[in-house]
N, C-alpha and C. Protein backbone atom coordinates (compact mmCIF):
# COMPACT_ATOMS: atom_id res chain seq x y z
N MET A 1 28.30 -177.41 193.77
CA MET A 1 27.63 -178.67 193.57
C MET A 1 26.13 -178.45 193.75
N ASP A 2 25.35 -178.58 192.66
CA ASP A 2 23.91 -178.34 192.65
C ASP A 2 23.18 -179.57 193.20
N VAL A 3 22.37 -179.37 194.22
CA VAL A 3 21.63 -180.48 194.83
C VAL A 3 20.16 -180.52 194.41
N THR A 4 19.78 -179.68 193.45
CA THR A 4 18.38 -179.59 193.04
C THR A 4 17.78 -180.95 192.72
N HIS A 5 18.50 -181.78 191.98
CA HIS A 5 17.95 -183.08 191.58
C HIS A 5 17.66 -183.98 192.79
N THR A 6 18.26 -183.71 193.94
CA THR A 6 18.03 -184.53 195.12
C THR A 6 16.77 -184.11 195.88
N LEU A 7 16.16 -183.00 195.47
CA LEU A 7 14.98 -182.47 196.16
C LEU A 7 13.67 -182.99 195.58
N ALA A 8 13.72 -183.67 194.45
CA ALA A 8 12.51 -184.13 193.76
C ALA A 8 11.73 -185.10 194.64
N ALA A 9 10.41 -184.91 194.66
CA ALA A 9 9.53 -185.81 195.40
C ALA A 9 9.52 -187.18 194.74
N LYS A 10 9.30 -188.21 195.53
CA LYS A 10 9.18 -189.55 194.97
C LYS A 10 7.75 -189.69 194.50
N SER A 11 7.52 -189.36 193.26
CA SER A 11 6.18 -189.29 192.69
C SER A 11 6.26 -189.65 191.21
N ASP A 12 5.11 -189.88 190.60
CA ASP A 12 5.08 -190.20 189.18
C ASP A 12 4.95 -188.95 188.31
N GLN A 13 5.05 -187.78 188.93
CA GLN A 13 4.89 -186.54 188.18
C GLN A 13 5.69 -185.41 188.82
N LEU A 14 5.89 -184.35 188.03
CA LEU A 14 6.52 -183.14 188.53
C LEU A 14 5.54 -182.46 189.49
N ASN A 15 6.02 -182.07 190.65
CA ASN A 15 5.19 -181.41 191.66
C ASN A 15 5.68 -179.99 191.89
N ALA A 16 4.79 -179.13 192.39
CA ALA A 16 5.16 -177.75 192.67
C ALA A 16 6.35 -177.69 193.63
N ASP A 17 6.40 -178.61 194.59
CA ASP A 17 7.51 -178.62 195.55
C ASP A 17 8.85 -178.89 194.86
N ASP A 18 8.82 -179.55 193.70
CA ASP A 18 10.05 -179.81 192.96
C ASP A 18 10.66 -178.53 192.41
N LEU A 19 9.86 -177.44 192.38
CA LEU A 19 10.31 -176.18 191.79
C LEU A 19 10.57 -175.10 192.83
N VAL A 20 10.61 -175.46 194.10
CA VAL A 20 10.84 -174.44 195.13
C VAL A 20 12.23 -173.83 195.04
N GLY A 21 13.16 -174.51 194.40
CA GLY A 21 14.50 -173.96 194.21
C GLY A 21 14.54 -172.87 193.15
N GLY A 22 13.44 -172.69 192.45
CA GLY A 22 13.35 -171.67 191.41
C GLY A 22 12.75 -172.23 190.15
N PRO A 23 12.40 -171.34 189.22
CA PRO A 23 11.79 -171.78 187.97
C PRO A 23 12.73 -172.67 187.16
N VAL A 24 12.14 -173.43 186.25
CA VAL A 24 12.93 -174.30 185.38
C VAL A 24 12.40 -174.19 183.96
N VAL A 25 13.31 -174.10 183.01
CA VAL A 25 12.93 -174.08 181.59
C VAL A 25 13.00 -175.51 181.08
N VAL A 26 11.90 -175.98 180.50
CA VAL A 26 11.83 -177.35 180.01
C VAL A 26 11.38 -177.38 178.56
N LYS A 27 11.82 -178.42 177.88
CA LYS A 27 11.37 -178.66 176.51
C LYS A 27 10.30 -179.74 176.56
N ILE A 28 9.23 -179.52 175.81
CA ILE A 28 8.16 -180.52 175.71
C ILE A 28 8.62 -181.58 174.73
N MET A 29 8.77 -182.80 175.24
CA MET A 29 9.29 -183.91 174.44
C MET A 29 8.18 -184.80 173.89
N GLY A 30 7.02 -184.78 174.53
CA GLY A 30 5.89 -185.61 174.09
C GLY A 30 4.67 -185.30 174.92
N VAL A 31 3.50 -185.65 174.39
CA VAL A 31 2.24 -185.42 175.09
C VAL A 31 1.37 -186.66 174.91
N ASN A 32 0.82 -187.15 176.01
CA ASN A 32 -0.11 -188.28 175.97
C ASN A 32 -1.42 -187.87 176.61
N ILE A 33 -2.52 -188.43 176.10
CA ILE A 33 -3.84 -188.24 176.69
C ILE A 33 -4.20 -189.56 177.36
N VAL A 34 -4.59 -189.50 178.63
CA VAL A 34 -4.93 -190.70 179.40
C VAL A 34 -6.28 -190.49 180.09
N ASN A 35 -6.82 -191.53 180.67
CA ASN A 35 -8.05 -191.42 181.46
C ASN A 35 -7.70 -190.96 182.85
N GLY A 36 -8.66 -190.34 183.53
CA GLY A 36 -8.45 -189.95 184.91
C GLY A 36 -8.57 -188.46 185.13
N ASP A 37 -8.27 -188.05 186.36
CA ASP A 37 -8.38 -186.64 186.75
C ASP A 37 -7.34 -185.76 186.09
N GLN A 38 -6.22 -186.33 185.72
CA GLN A 38 -5.14 -185.58 185.07
C GLN A 38 -4.93 -186.19 183.68
N PRO A 39 -5.77 -185.78 182.72
CA PRO A 39 -5.79 -186.47 181.43
C PRO A 39 -4.65 -186.14 180.47
N VAL A 40 -3.87 -185.11 180.76
CA VAL A 40 -2.77 -184.74 179.86
C VAL A 40 -1.45 -184.96 180.60
N VAL A 41 -0.60 -185.78 180.00
CA VAL A 41 0.70 -186.10 180.57
C VAL A 41 1.76 -185.61 179.59
N ILE A 42 2.58 -184.66 180.04
CA ILE A 42 3.59 -184.04 179.17
C ILE A 42 4.97 -184.49 179.61
N GLN A 43 5.69 -185.14 178.68
CA GLN A 43 7.07 -185.52 178.96
C GLN A 43 7.94 -184.28 178.74
N ILE A 44 8.79 -183.99 179.72
CA ILE A 44 9.61 -182.78 179.68
C ILE A 44 11.06 -183.11 180.02
N ALA A 45 11.95 -182.24 179.57
CA ALA A 45 13.36 -182.38 179.88
C ALA A 45 14.01 -181.01 179.92
N THR A 46 15.04 -180.89 180.75
CA THR A 46 15.87 -179.70 180.73
C THR A 46 17.00 -179.97 179.75
N ALA A 47 17.91 -179.04 179.64
CA ALA A 47 19.04 -179.21 178.72
C ALA A 47 19.91 -180.40 179.11
N ASP A 48 19.91 -180.74 180.41
CA ASP A 48 20.81 -181.82 180.84
C ASP A 48 20.15 -183.05 181.44
N ARG A 49 18.81 -183.05 181.59
CA ARG A 49 18.18 -184.26 182.14
C ARG A 49 16.68 -184.31 181.87
N LYS A 50 16.18 -185.52 181.82
CA LYS A 50 14.75 -185.75 181.69
C LYS A 50 14.12 -185.61 183.07
N LEU A 51 12.94 -185.00 183.15
CA LEU A 51 12.25 -184.83 184.42
C LEU A 51 11.02 -185.73 184.49
N GLN A 52 10.44 -185.82 185.68
CA GLN A 52 9.17 -186.52 185.82
C GLN A 52 8.15 -185.85 184.91
N PRO A 53 7.17 -186.57 184.40
CA PRO A 53 6.15 -185.94 183.55
C PRO A 53 5.41 -184.83 184.28
N TRP A 54 5.01 -183.83 183.53
CA TRP A 54 4.20 -182.73 184.06
C TRP A 54 2.76 -183.03 183.68
N LYS A 55 1.88 -182.99 184.66
CA LYS A 55 0.45 -183.22 184.44
C LYS A 55 -0.26 -181.90 184.76
N PRO A 56 -0.36 -181.02 183.74
CA PRO A 56 -0.90 -179.68 184.01
C PRO A 56 -2.37 -179.70 184.42
N CYS A 57 -2.71 -178.78 185.30
CA CYS A 57 -4.10 -178.62 185.73
C CYS A 57 -4.92 -178.07 184.56
N LEU A 58 -6.23 -178.04 184.75
CA LEU A 58 -7.14 -177.57 183.69
C LEU A 58 -6.79 -176.15 183.25
N THR A 59 -6.50 -175.26 184.18
CA THR A 59 -6.18 -173.88 183.83
C THR A 59 -4.93 -173.81 182.94
N MET A 60 -3.89 -174.57 183.29
CA MET A 60 -2.67 -174.55 182.48
C MET A 60 -2.90 -175.25 181.14
N ARG A 61 -3.77 -176.27 181.09
CA ARG A 61 -4.10 -176.89 179.79
C ARG A 61 -4.80 -175.89 178.89
N ARG A 62 -5.67 -175.08 179.46
CA ARG A 62 -6.33 -174.03 178.67
C ARG A 62 -5.31 -173.02 178.16
N LEU A 63 -4.34 -172.69 178.98
CA LEU A 63 -3.30 -171.75 178.58
C LEU A 63 -2.42 -172.36 177.48
N LEU A 64 -2.04 -173.62 177.62
CA LEU A 64 -1.26 -174.30 176.57
C LEU A 64 -2.02 -174.31 175.24
N THR A 65 -3.32 -174.55 175.32
CA THR A 65 -4.15 -174.56 174.11
C THR A 65 -4.22 -173.17 173.49
N LYS A 66 -4.29 -172.15 174.32
CA LYS A 66 -4.28 -170.77 173.82
C LYS A 66 -2.96 -170.47 173.10
N MET A 67 -1.86 -170.97 173.65
CA MET A 67 -0.54 -170.67 173.09
C MET A 67 -0.29 -171.41 171.78
N TRP A 68 -0.60 -172.71 171.74
CA TRP A 68 -0.18 -173.53 170.60
C TRP A 68 -1.28 -174.32 169.92
N GLY A 69 -2.54 -174.14 170.34
CA GLY A 69 -3.65 -174.81 169.69
C GLY A 69 -4.07 -176.10 170.36
N LYS A 70 -5.20 -176.64 169.89
CA LYS A 70 -5.77 -177.83 170.53
C LYS A 70 -5.11 -179.13 170.12
N ASN A 71 -4.30 -179.12 169.07
CA ASN A 71 -3.57 -180.31 168.65
C ASN A 71 -2.26 -180.38 169.43
N ALA A 72 -2.24 -181.22 170.46
CA ALA A 72 -1.10 -181.27 171.38
C ALA A 72 0.19 -181.75 170.72
N THR A 73 0.11 -182.38 169.56
CA THR A 73 1.35 -182.77 168.88
C THR A 73 2.14 -181.53 168.47
N LYS A 74 1.46 -180.39 168.32
CA LYS A 74 2.13 -179.14 167.96
C LYS A 74 2.82 -178.49 169.16
N TRP A 75 2.57 -178.99 170.36
CA TRP A 75 3.23 -178.48 171.55
C TRP A 75 4.65 -179.02 171.63
N VAL A 76 4.86 -180.21 171.07
CA VAL A 76 6.16 -180.89 171.16
C VAL A 76 7.24 -180.05 170.48
N GLY A 77 8.37 -179.90 171.16
CA GLY A 77 9.48 -179.11 170.64
C GLY A 77 9.50 -177.70 171.18
N ASN A 78 8.40 -177.26 171.77
CA ASN A 78 8.34 -175.93 172.38
C ASN A 78 8.89 -175.99 173.80
N PHE A 79 9.20 -174.82 174.32
CA PHE A 79 9.76 -174.68 175.66
C PHE A 79 8.80 -173.88 176.54
N VAL A 80 8.79 -174.21 177.83
CA VAL A 80 8.04 -173.44 178.82
C VAL A 80 8.91 -173.23 180.04
N LYS A 81 8.72 -172.10 180.68
CA LYS A 81 9.39 -171.83 181.95
C LYS A 81 8.34 -172.06 183.03
N LEU A 82 8.55 -173.08 183.86
CA LEU A 82 7.61 -173.46 184.90
C LEU A 82 8.09 -172.96 186.26
N TYR A 83 7.13 -172.57 187.10
CA TYR A 83 7.47 -172.14 188.45
C TYR A 83 6.42 -172.64 189.44
N SER A 84 6.78 -172.66 190.69
CA SER A 84 5.88 -173.05 191.77
C SER A 84 5.13 -171.81 192.27
N ASP A 85 3.80 -171.88 192.23
CA ASP A 85 2.96 -170.79 192.73
C ASP A 85 2.31 -171.25 194.04
N PRO A 86 2.75 -170.74 195.18
CA PRO A 86 2.22 -171.19 196.47
C PRO A 86 0.77 -170.79 196.71
N GLU A 87 0.22 -169.90 195.88
CA GLU A 87 -1.15 -169.43 196.06
C GLU A 87 -2.20 -170.36 195.44
N VAL A 88 -1.77 -171.35 194.67
CA VAL A 88 -2.72 -172.26 194.01
C VAL A 88 -3.47 -173.06 195.06
N LYS A 89 -4.79 -173.15 194.87
CA LYS A 89 -5.63 -173.90 195.80
C LYS A 89 -6.14 -175.17 195.14
N TRP A 90 -6.31 -176.19 195.96
CA TRP A 90 -6.94 -177.43 195.53
C TRP A 90 -7.87 -177.84 196.65
N ALA A 91 -9.13 -178.10 196.31
CA ALA A 91 -10.17 -178.42 197.30
C ALA A 91 -10.28 -177.33 198.36
N GLY A 92 -10.10 -176.07 197.94
CA GLY A 92 -10.25 -174.93 198.82
C GLY A 92 -9.08 -174.61 199.72
N LYS A 93 -8.01 -175.39 199.62
CA LYS A 93 -6.83 -175.15 200.47
C LYS A 93 -5.62 -174.84 199.62
N LYS A 94 -4.78 -173.94 200.12
CA LYS A 94 -3.55 -173.61 199.41
C LYS A 94 -2.60 -174.81 199.47
N THR A 95 -2.33 -175.33 198.29
CA THR A 95 -1.43 -176.48 198.20
C THR A 95 -0.20 -176.17 197.36
N GLY A 96 -0.30 -175.11 196.59
CA GLY A 96 0.75 -174.79 195.62
C GLY A 96 0.49 -175.53 194.32
N GLY A 97 1.01 -175.00 193.26
CA GLY A 97 0.81 -175.61 191.95
C GLY A 97 1.84 -175.09 190.96
N ILE A 98 1.87 -175.74 189.82
CA ILE A 98 2.83 -175.37 188.78
C ILE A 98 2.15 -174.44 187.78
N ARG A 99 2.83 -173.34 187.49
CA ARG A 99 2.33 -172.34 186.54
C ARG A 99 3.38 -172.09 185.46
N ILE A 100 2.92 -171.49 184.37
CA ILE A 100 3.79 -171.14 183.24
C ILE A 100 4.12 -169.65 183.32
N ALA A 101 5.41 -169.32 183.31
CA ALA A 101 5.84 -167.92 183.34
C ALA A 101 6.14 -167.39 181.95
N ALA A 102 6.71 -168.25 181.09
CA ALA A 102 7.11 -167.84 179.75
C ALA A 102 7.08 -169.07 178.86
N ALA A 103 7.05 -168.82 177.55
CA ALA A 103 7.01 -169.93 176.60
C ALA A 103 7.55 -169.46 175.26
N THR A 104 7.83 -170.42 174.38
CA THR A 104 8.28 -170.08 173.04
C THR A 104 7.06 -169.68 172.21
N VAL A 105 6.66 -168.43 172.41
CA VAL A 105 5.55 -167.82 171.68
C VAL A 105 6.07 -166.58 170.98
N SER A 106 5.37 -166.15 169.95
CA SER A 106 5.84 -165.01 169.17
C SER A 106 5.55 -163.66 169.83
N GLU A 107 4.56 -163.63 170.71
CA GLU A 107 4.25 -162.39 171.42
C GLU A 107 3.73 -162.73 172.81
N PRO A 108 3.86 -161.80 173.76
CA PRO A 108 3.37 -162.08 175.11
C PRO A 108 1.87 -162.38 175.09
N ILE A 109 1.43 -163.20 176.01
CA ILE A 109 0.03 -163.58 176.09
C ILE A 109 -0.55 -163.11 177.40
N GLU A 110 -1.75 -162.55 177.33
CA GLU A 110 -2.52 -162.20 178.52
C GLU A 110 -3.90 -162.78 178.31
N ILE A 111 -4.34 -163.60 179.26
CA ILE A 111 -5.65 -164.23 179.14
C ILE A 111 -6.24 -164.41 180.53
N SER A 112 -7.53 -164.16 180.63
CA SER A 112 -8.24 -164.36 181.89
C SER A 112 -8.85 -165.75 181.87
N LEU A 113 -8.46 -166.58 182.84
CA LEU A 113 -8.94 -167.96 182.90
C LEU A 113 -9.55 -168.26 184.27
N ALA A 114 -10.52 -169.16 184.27
CA ALA A 114 -11.17 -169.57 185.51
C ALA A 114 -10.18 -170.31 186.40
N VAL A 115 -10.19 -169.96 187.68
CA VAL A 115 -9.36 -170.66 188.67
C VAL A 115 -10.24 -171.41 189.67
N SER A 116 -11.50 -171.02 189.76
CA SER A 116 -12.49 -171.71 190.57
C SER A 116 -13.85 -171.23 190.11
N LYS A 117 -14.91 -171.82 190.65
CA LYS A 117 -16.25 -171.42 190.23
C LYS A 117 -16.46 -169.93 190.44
N GLY A 118 -16.75 -169.24 189.33
CA GLY A 118 -17.03 -167.82 189.41
C GLY A 118 -15.84 -166.91 189.62
N LYS A 119 -14.63 -167.45 189.67
CA LYS A 119 -13.45 -166.62 189.87
C LYS A 119 -12.47 -166.81 188.73
N LYS A 120 -12.07 -165.67 188.15
CA LYS A 120 -11.09 -165.71 187.07
C LYS A 120 -9.82 -165.00 187.51
N GLN A 121 -8.74 -165.33 186.82
CA GLN A 121 -7.46 -164.70 187.12
C GLN A 121 -6.76 -164.39 185.80
N LEU A 122 -6.08 -163.26 185.75
CA LEU A 122 -5.32 -162.89 184.57
C LEU A 122 -3.98 -163.60 184.58
N TYR A 123 -3.68 -164.31 183.51
CA TYR A 123 -2.39 -164.98 183.36
C TYR A 123 -1.60 -164.28 182.27
N LYS A 124 -0.33 -164.03 182.57
CA LYS A 124 0.56 -163.40 181.62
C LYS A 124 1.71 -164.36 181.34
N VAL A 125 1.97 -164.58 180.06
CA VAL A 125 3.06 -165.46 179.65
C VAL A 125 4.02 -164.64 178.81
N GLY A 126 5.27 -164.61 179.24
CA GLY A 126 6.29 -163.87 178.51
C GLY A 126 6.89 -164.69 177.38
N ILE A 127 7.67 -164.04 176.56
CA ILE A 127 8.34 -164.69 175.43
C ILE A 127 9.62 -165.35 175.93
N LEU A 128 9.79 -166.60 175.57
CA LEU A 128 10.99 -167.36 175.93
C LEU A 128 11.71 -167.64 174.61
N LYS A 129 12.89 -167.09 174.46
CA LYS A 129 13.66 -167.32 173.23
C LYS A 129 14.63 -168.45 173.47
N MET A 130 14.52 -169.47 172.67
CA MET A 130 15.38 -170.63 172.80
C MET A 130 16.03 -170.95 171.47
N GLU A 131 17.27 -171.37 171.51
CA GLU A 131 17.99 -171.73 170.30
C GLU A 131 17.41 -172.98 169.65
N ASP A 132 17.11 -173.99 170.48
CA ASP A 132 16.66 -175.29 169.97
C ASP A 132 15.15 -175.39 170.05
N LYS A 133 14.46 -175.11 168.97
CA LYS A 133 13.01 -175.25 168.91
C LYS A 133 12.68 -176.23 167.79
N SER A 134 13.20 -177.44 167.88
CA SER A 134 13.00 -178.43 166.83
C SER A 134 11.70 -179.17 166.98
């Protein structure tokens, strides 16, 4: 009996703590642009349930744009494998964050992206092969 769904935080979005049980492969069902600190809201679902929206940080938005382009409607139908990275900092403190491990891309991606002022980090995204890429 899987209790993963009972661990989700009571929040309006997917949180890194929601992924402490391990990575999750999700399908991007829709993307909205809104005002505020988290301007991209991605509706996601697993094979058996809809999840809270994912509001990717700036670094992950840059990575998504690198993978599938700046037109977010082209992201819909693709899959990503998300995981909790406990090393992610916010306001200088380790808070954990959601990162992309793999995606439905044709070749692996390696890109150096800013993680803070003057500091870059190499991100590697593996190939995720999925049957349903509609």
